[in-house]
Amino acid sequence: MATKPNQDIFDLYDLMLEQLRDLYDGEQQQTTFLENQSKIAESFKLNEFLTFHLKETKRHAQRIKKVFEILNEKAEGESCDGIKGLIKESQKLADRCINEEVRDAALITAVQHINHYEMAGYGTAIAYAKTLERHDIAELLLDTLREEKRADMGLSDLAENKINPDAKWSAIVNKVSKPASTEIR
C-alpha cells in the first residue's frame, strides 16, 4: 500500500518510509551545506575532501530516490529538522572562528556531526528493511552506510594528522605574533 508523506505512522513500513524521507531530505540539505563549506575551507586537503564527499552525498540522495522508486513511493516529506539543526549550529560555530585553520577544524566537526546523524538513520532504515524482508533495499542502504563510515574515518584522519595540528600551531603563532596591548593610565 502506498503511503502519503506526513501521514500517521501505522506500521514498521510507514516508519521505514519516514526514516527514508528524513534521510533523503537530509542528504539534499547536506549537498547545499557542503557546496558552501568547500568555498570557505582554508586547507586544500579539506576542500578536496569536501568536494569528494559532496559527490558521494549526491550519489546517496540518488540511491534513496531509487529505493523510493522500488517501493513505488514518493520521496518527499517533512524537512529533516535534525540535519537542519546541525547545519545551523555548525554555521554559528564556524562564524565564531577567527582563525581560518581553527574554522577548518570546526568544519570537520560539523560534517562529522551530520555524518553520525546519517549513520544512525541509515542503520535504523537497514534494520527496518531487513525486518520487512526487503533485503534489496537493505543492500542499497548498506552501501551508503559504508561510504558514510569511510568518510567519517577519513575526516578523523584528516583532523588528527593535518587540520587539528595546523589549528593548534596557527593559533599559537597568531597569539605570539600579536603585539601586546599597552594600557595608558
C-alpha atoms as a PDB file:
ATOM      1  CA  MET A   1       0.000   0.000   0.000  1.00  0.00           C
ATOM      2  CA  ALA A   2       1.424   3.376  -0.997  1.00  0.00           C
ATOM      3  CA  THR A   3       1.565   5.882   1.826  1.00  0.00           C
ATOM      4  CA  LYS A   4       1.454   9.643   1.600  1.00  0.00           C
ATOM      5  CA  PRO A   5       4.175  11.834   3.068  1.00  0.00           C
ATOM      6  CA  ASN A   6       3.407  13.248   6.536  1.00  0.00           C
ATOM      7  CA  GLN A   7       0.541  10.864   7.257  1.00  0.00           C
ATOM      8  CA  ASP A   8       0.188   8.988  10.510  1.00  0.00           C
ATOM      9  CA  ILE A   9       2.665   6.172  11.021  1.00  0.00           C
ATOM     10  CA  PHE A  10       0.756   2.919  11.314  1.00  0.00           C
ATOM     11  CA  ASP A  11       3.329   0.162  10.971  1.00  0.00           C
ATOM     12  CA  LEU A  12       7.030  -0.577  10.528  1.00  0.00           C
ATOM     13  CA  TYR A  13       6.787   0.017   6.776  1.00  0.00           C
ATOM     14  CA  ASP A  14       5.442   3.537   7.391  1.00  0.00           C
ATOM     15  CA  LEU A  15       8.189   4.121   9.943  1.00  0.00           C
ATOM     16  CA  MET A  16      10.815   2.968   7.431  1.00  0.00           C
ATOM     17  CA  LEU A  17       9.386   5.368   4.831  1.00  0.00           C
ATOM     18  CA  GLU A  18       9.520   8.228   7.306  1.00  0.00           C
ATOM     19  CA  GLN A  19      13.155   7.396   8.097  1.00  0.00           C
ATOM     20  CA  LEU A  20      13.980   7.245   4.386  1.00  0.00           C
ATOM     21  CA  ARG A  21      12.282  10.596   3.770  1.00  0.00           C
ATOM     22  CA  ASP A  22      14.245  12.107   6.630  1.00  0.00           C
ATOM     23  CA  LEU A  23      17.480  10.752   5.150  1.00  0.00           C
ATOM     24  CA  TYR A  24      16.591  11.920   1.646  1.00  0.00           C
ATOM     25  CA  ASP A  25      15.890  15.472   2.776  1.00  0.00           C
ATOM     26  CA  GLY A  26      18.994  15.394   4.979  1.00  0.00           C
ATOM     27  CA  GLU A  27      21.167  14.388   2.017  1.00  0.00           C
ATOM     28  CA  GLN A  28      19.729  17.252  -0.009  1.00  0.00           C
ATOM     29  CA  GLN A  29      20.370  19.741   2.791  1.00  0.00           C
ATOM     30  CA  GLN A  30      23.887  18.396   3.206  1.00  0.00           C
ATOM     31  CA  THR A  31      24.521  18.874  -0.519  1.00  0.00           C
ATOM     32  CA  THR A  32      23.868  22.614  -0.191  1.00  0.00           C
ATOM     33  CA  PHE A  33      25.869  22.769   3.045  1.00  0.00           C
ATOM     34  CA  LEU A  34      28.901  21.037   1.520  1.00  0.00           C
ATOM     35  CA  GLU A  35      28.826  23.273  -1.545  1.00  0.00           C
ATOM     36  CA  ASN A  36      29.005  26.316   0.734  1.00  0.00           C
ATOM     37  CA  GLN A  37      31.604  24.902   3.132  1.00  0.00           C
ATOM     38  CA  SER A  38      34.016  23.847   0.422  1.00  0.00           C
ATOM     39  CA  LYS A  39      34.169  27.515  -0.579  1.00  0.00           C
ATOM     40  CA  ILE A  40      35.344  28.617   2.883  1.00  0.00           C
ATOM     41  CA  ALA A  41      37.684  25.738   3.746  1.00  0.00           C
ATOM     42  CA  GLU A  42      41.235  27.069   4.024  1.00  0.00           C
ATOM     43  CA  SER A  43      43.008  23.725   3.765  1.00  0.00           C
ATOM     44  CA  PHE A  44      43.442  22.301   0.266  1.00  0.00           C
ATOM     45  CA  LYS A  45      43.110  18.774   1.667  1.00  0.00           C
ATOM     46  CA  LEU A  46      39.872  19.649   3.461  1.00  0.00           C
ATOM     47  CA  ASN A  47      38.497  21.337   0.364  1.00  0.00           C
ATOM     48  CA  GLU A  48      39.403  18.269  -1.676  1.00  0.00           C
ATOM     49  CA  PHE A  49      37.699  16.018   0.882  1.00  0.00           C
ATOM     50  CA  LEU A  50      34.544  18.160   0.990  1.00  0.00           C
ATOM     51  CA  THR A  51      34.346  18.161  -2.807  1.00  0.00           C
ATOM     52  CA  PHE A  52      34.625  14.356  -2.877  1.00  0.00           C
ATOM     53  CA  HIS A  53      32.075  13.997  -0.077  1.00  0.00           C
ATOM     54  CA  LEU A  54      29.712  16.303  -1.960  1.00  0.00           C
ATOM     55  CA  LYS A  55      29.799  13.907  -4.916  1.00  0.00           C
ATOM     56  CA  GLU A  56      29.131  10.993  -2.561  1.00  0.00           C
ATOM     57  CA  THR A  57      26.265  12.858  -0.913  1.00  0.00           C
ATOM     58  CA  LYS A  58      24.606  13.441  -4.278  1.00  0.00           C
ATOM     59  CA  ARG A  59      25.005   9.724  -5.004  1.00  0.00           C
ATOM     60  CA  HIS A  60      23.445   8.902  -1.619  1.00  0.00           C
ATOM     61  CA  ALA A  61      20.390  11.011  -2.450  1.00  0.00           C
ATOM     62  CA  GLN A  62      20.074   9.229  -5.806  1.00  0.00           C
ATOM     63  CA  ARG A  63      20.314   5.856  -4.077  1.00  0.00           C
ATOM     64  CA  ILE A  64      17.489   6.757  -1.708  1.00  0.00           C
ATOM     65  CA  LYS A  65      15.468   8.009  -4.655  1.00  0.00           C
ATOM     66  CA  LYS A  66      15.991   4.591  -6.252  1.00  0.00           C
ATOM     67  CA  VAL A  67      14.719   2.935  -3.065  1.00  0.00           C
ATOM     68  CA  PHE A  68      11.543   5.018  -3.286  1.00  0.00           C
ATOM     69  CA  GLU A  69      11.117   4.012  -6.916  1.00  0.00           C
ATOM     70  CA  ILE A  70      11.490   0.322  -5.978  1.00  0.00           C
ATOM     71  CA  LEU A  71       8.855   0.810  -3.277  1.00  0.00           C
ATOM     72  CA  ASN A  72       6.627   2.847  -5.607  1.00  0.00           C
ATOM     73  CA  GLU A  73       6.580   5.640  -3.022  1.00  0.00           C
ATOM     74  CA  LYS A  74       7.213   9.384  -3.014  1.00  0.00           C
ATOM     75  CA  ALA A  75      10.483  10.681  -1.591  1.00  0.00           C
ATOM     76  CA  GLU A  76       9.025  13.992  -0.440  1.00  0.00           C
ATOM     77  CA  GLY A  77       8.135  14.558   3.175  1.00  0.00           C
ATOM     78  CA  GLU A  78       8.823  16.810   6.075  1.00  0.00           C
ATOM     79  CA  SER A  79      12.096  18.653   6.279  1.00  0.00           C
ATOM     80  CA  CYS A  80      14.800  16.847   8.249  1.00  0.00           C
ATOM     81  CA  ASP A  81      14.936  19.039  11.336  1.00  0.00           C
ATOM     82  CA  GLY A  82      17.904  17.086  12.720  1.00  0.00           C
ATOM     83  CA  ILE A  83      20.207  17.950   9.815  1.00  0.00           C
ATOM     84  CA  LYS A  84      18.768  21.459   9.631  1.00  0.00           C
ATOM     85  CA  GLY A  85      19.677  21.997  13.293  1.00  0.00           C
ATOM     86  CA  LEU A  86      23.159  20.548  12.891  1.00  0.00           C
ATOM     87  CA  ILE A  87      23.813  22.805   9.911  1.00  0.00           C
ATOM     88  CA  LYS A  88      22.541  25.851  11.795  1.00  0.00           C
ATOM     89  CA  GLU A  89      24.755  25.074  14.799  1.00  0.00           C
ATOM     90  CA  SER A  90      27.795  24.480  12.617  1.00  0.00           C
ATOM     91  CA  GLN A  91      27.265  27.815  10.832  1.00  0.00           C
ATOM     92  CA  LYS A  92      27.184  29.602  14.174  1.00  0.00           C
ATOM     93  CA  LEU A  93      30.342  27.790  15.282  1.00  0.00           C
ATOM     94  CA  ALA A  94      32.239  28.495  12.036  1.00  0.00           C
ATOM     95  CA  ASP A  95      31.199  32.170  12.141  1.00  0.00           C
ATOM     96  CA  ARG A  96      32.775  32.499  15.593  1.00  0.00           C
ATOM     97  CA  CYS A  97      36.137  31.113  14.460  1.00  0.00           C
ATOM     98  CA  ILE A  98      38.535  33.992  13.899  1.00  0.00           C
ATOM     99  CA  ASN A  99      41.429  31.815  12.752  1.00  0.00           C
ATOM    100  CA  GLU A 100      40.986  30.077   9.360  1.00  0.00           C
ATOM    101  CA  GLU A 101      42.744  26.897  10.467  1.00  0.00           C
ATOM    102  CA  VAL A 102      40.533  26.673  13.554  1.00  0.00           C
ATOM    103  CA  ARG A 103      37.483  27.215  11.329  1.00  0.00           C
ATOM    104  CA  ASP A 104      38.620  24.227   9.250  1.00  0.00           C
ATOM    105  CA  ALA A 105      38.648  22.116  12.418  1.00  0.00           C
ATOM    106  CA  ALA A 106      35.120  23.376  13.163  1.00  0.00           C
ATOM    107  CA  LEU A 107      34.012  22.418   9.631  1.00  0.00           C
ATOM    108  CA  ILE A 108      35.218  18.885  10.209  1.00  0.00           C
ATOM    109  CA  THR A 109      33.264  18.823  13.461  1.00  0.00           C
ATOM    110  CA  ALA A 110      30.138  19.930  11.607  1.00  0.00           C
ATOM    111  CA  VAL A 111      30.451  17.362   8.831  1.00  0.00           C
ATOM    112  CA  GLN A 112      31.125  14.595  11.344  1.00  0.00           C
ATOM    113  CA  HIS A 113      28.068  15.546  13.394  1.00  0.00           C
ATOM    114  CA  ILE A 114      25.952  15.336  10.255  1.00  0.00           C
ATOM    115  CA  ASN A 115      27.549  12.035   9.216  1.00  0.00           C
ATOM    116  CA  HIS A 116      26.932  10.495  12.634  1.00  0.00           C
ATOM    117  CA  TYR A 117      23.273  11.525  12.444  1.00  0.00           C
ATOM    118  CA  GLU A 118      23.059   9.952   8.993  1.00  0.00           C
ATOM    119  CA  MET A 119      24.859   6.759  10.062  1.00  0.00           C
ATOM    120  CA  ALA A 120      22.290   6.294  12.829  1.00  0.00           C
ATOM    121  CA  GLY A 121      19.465   6.892  10.351  1.00  0.00           C
ATOM    122  CA  TYR A 122      20.859   4.509   7.736  1.00  0.00           C
ATOM    123  CA  GLY A 123      21.461   1.825  10.362  1.00  0.00           C
ATOM    124  CA  THR A 124      17.876   2.157  11.514  1.00  0.00           C
ATOM    125  CA  ALA A 125      16.462   2.077   7.973  1.00  0.00           C
ATOM    126  CA  ILE A 126      18.552  -1.010   7.201  1.00  0.00           C
ATOM    127  CA  ALA A 127      17.226  -2.757  10.300  1.00  0.00           C
ATOM    128  CA  TYR A 128      13.644  -1.927   9.306  1.00  0.00           C
ATOM    129  CA  ALA A 129      14.219  -3.157   5.731  1.00  0.00           C
ATOM    130  CA  LYS A 130      15.699  -6.433   6.981  1.00  0.00           C
ATOM    131  CA  THR A 131      12.795  -6.969   9.375  1.00  0.00           C
ATOM    132  CA  LEU A 132      10.394  -6.339   6.490  1.00  0.00           C
ATOM    133  CA  GLU A 133      12.439  -8.815   4.406  1.00  0.00           C
ATOM    134  CA  ARG A 134      13.370  -6.102   1.902  1.00  0.00           C
ATOM    135  CA  HIS A 135      16.981  -7.192   1.605  1.00  0.00           C
ATOM    136  CA  ASP A 136      17.262  -5.487  -1.789  1.00  0.00           C
ATOM    137  CA  ILE A 137      16.641  -2.158  -0.093  1.00  0.00           C
ATOM    138  CA  ALA A 138      18.833  -3.021   2.874  1.00  0.00           C
ATOM    139  CA  GLU A 139      21.751  -3.694   0.497  1.00  0.00           C
ATOM    140  CA  LEU A 140      21.377  -0.331  -1.255  1.00  0.00           C
ATOM    141  CA  LEU A 141      21.258   1.473   2.072  1.00  0.00           C
ATOM    142  CA  LEU A 142      24.197  -0.546   3.382  1.00  0.00           C
ATOM    143  CA  ASP A 143      26.337   0.743   0.507  1.00  0.00           C
ATOM    144  CA  THR A 144      25.625   4.283   1.681  1.00  0.00           C
ATOM    145  CA  LEU A 145      26.238   3.433   5.331  1.00  0.00           C
ATOM    146  CA  ARG A 146      29.646   2.015   4.409  1.00  0.00           C
ATOM    147  CA  GLU A 147      30.503   5.189   2.488  1.00  0.00           C
ATOM    148  CA  GLU A 148      29.401   7.365   5.424  1.00  0.00           C
ATOM    149  CA  LYS A 149      31.627   5.354   7.759  1.00  0.00           C
ATOM    150  CA  ARG A 150      34.594   5.654   5.384  1.00  0.00           C
ATOM    151  CA  ALA A 151      34.003   9.403   5.164  1.00  0.00           C
ATOM    152  CA  ASP A 152      33.938   9.643   8.943  1.00  0.00           C
ATOM    153  CA  MET A 153      37.221   7.747   9.256  1.00  0.00           C
ATOM    154  CA  GLY A 154      38.748   9.941   6.541  1.00  0.00           C
ATOM    155  CA  LEU A 155      37.644  13.087   8.348  1.00  0.00           C
ATOM    156  CA  SER A 156      39.057  11.814  11.636  1.00  0.00           C
ATOM    157  CA  ASP A 157      42.362  11.014   9.970  1.00  0.00           C
ATOM    158  CA  LEU A 158      42.480  14.422   8.267  1.00  0.00           C
ATOM    159  CA  ALA A 159      41.629  16.181  11.524  1.00  0.00           C
ATOM    160  CA  GLU A 160      44.136  14.297  13.660  1.00  0.00           C
ATOM    161  CA  ASN A 161      47.046  14.404  11.208  1.00  0.00           C
ATOM    162  CA  LYS A 162      46.630  17.764   9.474  1.00  0.00           C
ATOM    163  CA  ILE A 163      43.815  20.126  10.429  1.00  0.00           C
ATOM    164  CA  ASN A 164      43.961  19.992  14.237  1.00  0.00           C
ATOM    165  CA  PRO A 165      47.787  20.352  14.411  1.00  0.00           C
ATOM    166  CA  ASP A 166      47.600  23.253  11.935  1.00  0.00           C
ATOM    167  CA  ALA A 167      44.867  24.871  14.049  1.00  0.00           C
ATOM    168  CA  LYS A 168      46.920  24.422  17.213  1.00  0.00           C
ATOM    169  CA  TRP A 169      50.113  25.918  15.812  1.00  0.00           C
ATOM    170  CA  SER A 170      48.426  28.643  13.826  1.00  0.00           C
ATOM    171  CA  ALA A 171      46.622  29.889  16.921  1.00  0.00           C
ATOM    172  CA  ILE A 172      49.853  29.832  18.937  1.00  0.00           C
ATOM    173  CA  VAL A 173      51.743  31.718  16.230  1.00  0.00           C
ATOM    174  CA  ASN A 174      48.963  34.297  15.954  1.00  0.00           C
ATOM    175  CA  LYS A 175      48.944  34.837  19.720  1.00  0.00           C
ATOM    176  CA  VAL A 176      52.727  35.252  19.873  1.00  0.00           C
ATOM    177  CA  SER A 177      52.963  37.494  16.839  1.00  0.00           C
ATOM    178  CA  LYS A 178      50.299  39.965  18.038  1.00  0.00           C
ATOM    179  CA  PRO A 179      51.783  42.929  19.851  1.00  0.00           C
ATOM    180  CA  ALA A 180      50.791  43.170  23.465  1.00  0.00           C
ATOM    181  CA  SER A 181      48.318  45.917  24.126  1.00  0.00           C
ATOM    182  CA  THR A 182      49.548  48.620  26.418  1.00  0.00           C
ATOM    183  CA  GLU A 183      47.251  50.459  28.677  1.00  0.00           C
ATOM    184  CA  ILE A 184      47.690  54.176  29.170  1.00  0.00           C
ATOM    185  CA  ARG A 185      46.992  55.279  32.669  1.00  0.00           C
END
